[in-house]
Amino acid sequence: MILHAVYLGLRSDADPAGLADVMVGLEGLVGEIGGLQSLVHGPNIDVEVKSPEAPYGFHTTFTNRAALDRYANDPRHQALGARLVALCGGADRIKVYDIET
């Protein structure tokens, strides 16, 4: 299994409704892309005060690397990802970690 963890450095003026819409779109890909098992998302409460630059994030789980590759190359995911890049003010404000378990 692969855990795909994404942390968003949202712009201070990022539209909350736009972010919610993107998250709904990503949730809709579960069951539509083979091997994409789950998606959870929410605000980063940053209990340890180590990640204030990422006020929001999401995690997805994939059955294997091939499933993650299908997701990465899916045009629906790419369109939603482009919207996230805009909400963050650039791709460099998004951190992605892929952890094989």
Protein backbone atom coordinates (compact mmCIF):
# COMPACT_ATOMS: atom_id res chain seq x y z
CA MET A 1 0.00 0.00 0.00
CA ILE A 2 1.10 3.57 -0.61
CA LEU A 3 0.11 6.54 1.52
CA HIS A 4 0.15 9.73 -0.57
CA ALA A 5 0.34 12.69 1.84
CA VAL A 6 -0.12 16.21 0.49
CA TYR A 7 0.33 19.40 2.53
CA LEU A 8 -0.85 22.72 1.14
CA GLY A 9 0.77 26.09 1.74
CA LEU A 10 -2.38 28.00 0.84
CA ARG A 11 -2.22 31.68 -0.10
CA SER A 12 -3.63 33.95 2.60
CA ASP A 13 -6.39 34.99 0.19
CA ALA A 14 -7.19 31.45 -1.02
CA ASP A 15 -10.92 30.97 -1.54
CA PRO A 16 -12.25 28.43 1.02
CA ALA A 17 -15.12 27.52 -1.32
CA GLY A 18 -12.63 26.84 -4.11
CA LEU A 19 -10.61 24.56 -1.83
CA ALA A 20 -13.77 22.74 -0.74
CA ASP A 21 -14.74 22.25 -4.37
CA VAL A 22 -11.34 20.76 -5.22
CA MET A 23 -11.57 18.39 -2.25
CA VAL A 24 -15.03 17.23 -3.37
CA GLY A 25 -13.57 16.62 -6.81
CA LEU A 26 -10.68 14.58 -5.42
CA GLU A 27 -13.05 12.59 -3.20
CA GLY A 28 -15.05 11.79 -6.32
CA LEU A 29 -12.04 10.04 -7.83
CA VAL A 30 -12.15 7.33 -5.13
CA GLY A 31 -13.67 4.32 -6.84
CA GLU A 32 -13.21 5.94 -10.25
CA ILE A 33 -9.46 5.37 -10.52
CA GLY A 34 -8.46 1.76 -10.01
CA GLY A 35 -6.49 1.25 -6.82
CA LEU A 36 -7.34 4.64 -5.25
CA GLN A 37 -8.78 3.37 -1.99
CA SER A 38 -9.45 6.41 0.17
CA LEU A 39 -9.05 10.13 0.63
CA VAL A 40 -9.27 12.12 3.85
CA HIS A 41 -8.62 15.84 4.21
CA GLY A 42 -8.84 18.68 6.67
CA PRO A 43 -7.15 21.60 8.38
CA ASN A 44 -3.72 21.10 9.91
CA ILE A 45 -4.12 21.75 13.65
CA ASP A 46 -0.30 21.73 14.01
CA VAL A 47 -0.23 20.55 17.62
CA GLU A 48 3.58 20.44 17.71
CA VAL A 49 3.92 23.82 15.96
CA LYS A 50 6.16 22.36 13.27
CA SER A 51 4.17 23.02 10.10
CA PRO A 52 2.48 26.44 10.18
CA GLU A 53 3.26 26.86 6.47
CA ALA A 54 0.72 24.12 5.61
CA PRO A 55 -2.72 25.00 6.99
CA TYR A 56 -4.48 22.20 5.10
CA GLY A 57 -3.73 18.74 3.80
CA PHE A 58 -5.01 15.44 2.55
CA HIS A 59 -4.00 11.80 2.48
CA THR A 60 -4.91 9.20 -0.10
CA THR A 61 -4.19 5.50 -0.06
CA PHE A 62 -3.36 3.38 -3.09
CA THR A 63 -3.08 -0.36 -3.47
CA ASN A 64 0.32 -0.08 -5.17
CA ARG A 65 2.64 2.08 -7.26
CA ALA A 66 0.72 1.38 -10.48
CA ALA A 67 -2.43 2.80 -8.89
CA LEU A 68 -0.56 5.94 -7.78
CA ASP A 69 0.78 6.32 -11.31
CA ARG A 70 -2.75 6.01 -12.77
CA TYR A 71 -3.91 8.75 -10.39
CA ALA A 72 -0.94 11.00 -11.19
CA ASN A 73 -1.60 10.70 -14.93
CA ASP A 74 -5.39 10.99 -14.78
CA PRO A 75 -6.56 14.23 -16.47
CA ARG A 76 -9.21 14.80 -13.75
CA HIS A 77 -6.53 14.67 -11.06
CA GLN A 78 -4.25 16.92 -13.10
CA ALA A 79 -7.01 19.54 -13.53
CA LEU A 80 -7.79 19.50 -9.80
CA GLY A 81 -4.08 19.65 -9.01
CA ALA A 82 -3.73 22.74 -11.19
CA ARG A 83 -6.46 24.40 -9.15
CA LEU A 84 -4.59 23.54 -5.94
CA VAL A 85 -1.41 25.04 -7.36
CA ALA A 86 -3.34 28.26 -8.02
CA LEU A 87 -4.82 28.25 -4.50
CA CYS A 88 -1.31 27.89 -3.10
CA GLY A 89 0.35 30.42 -5.38
CA GLY A 90 2.69 27.89 -6.95
CA ALA A 91 3.65 24.22 -6.94
CA ASP A 92 6.60 24.90 -4.64
CA ARG A 93 4.09 25.61 -1.83
CA ILE A 94 2.77 22.04 -1.98
CA LYS A 95 4.64 19.22 -0.24
CA VAL A 96 4.00 15.64 -1.27
CA TYR A 97 5.19 12.50 0.49
CA ASP A 98 4.61 8.98 -0.88
CA ILE A 99 5.15 6.36 1.79
CA GLU A 100 5.17 2.68 0.93
CA THR A 101 3.83 0.55 3.75
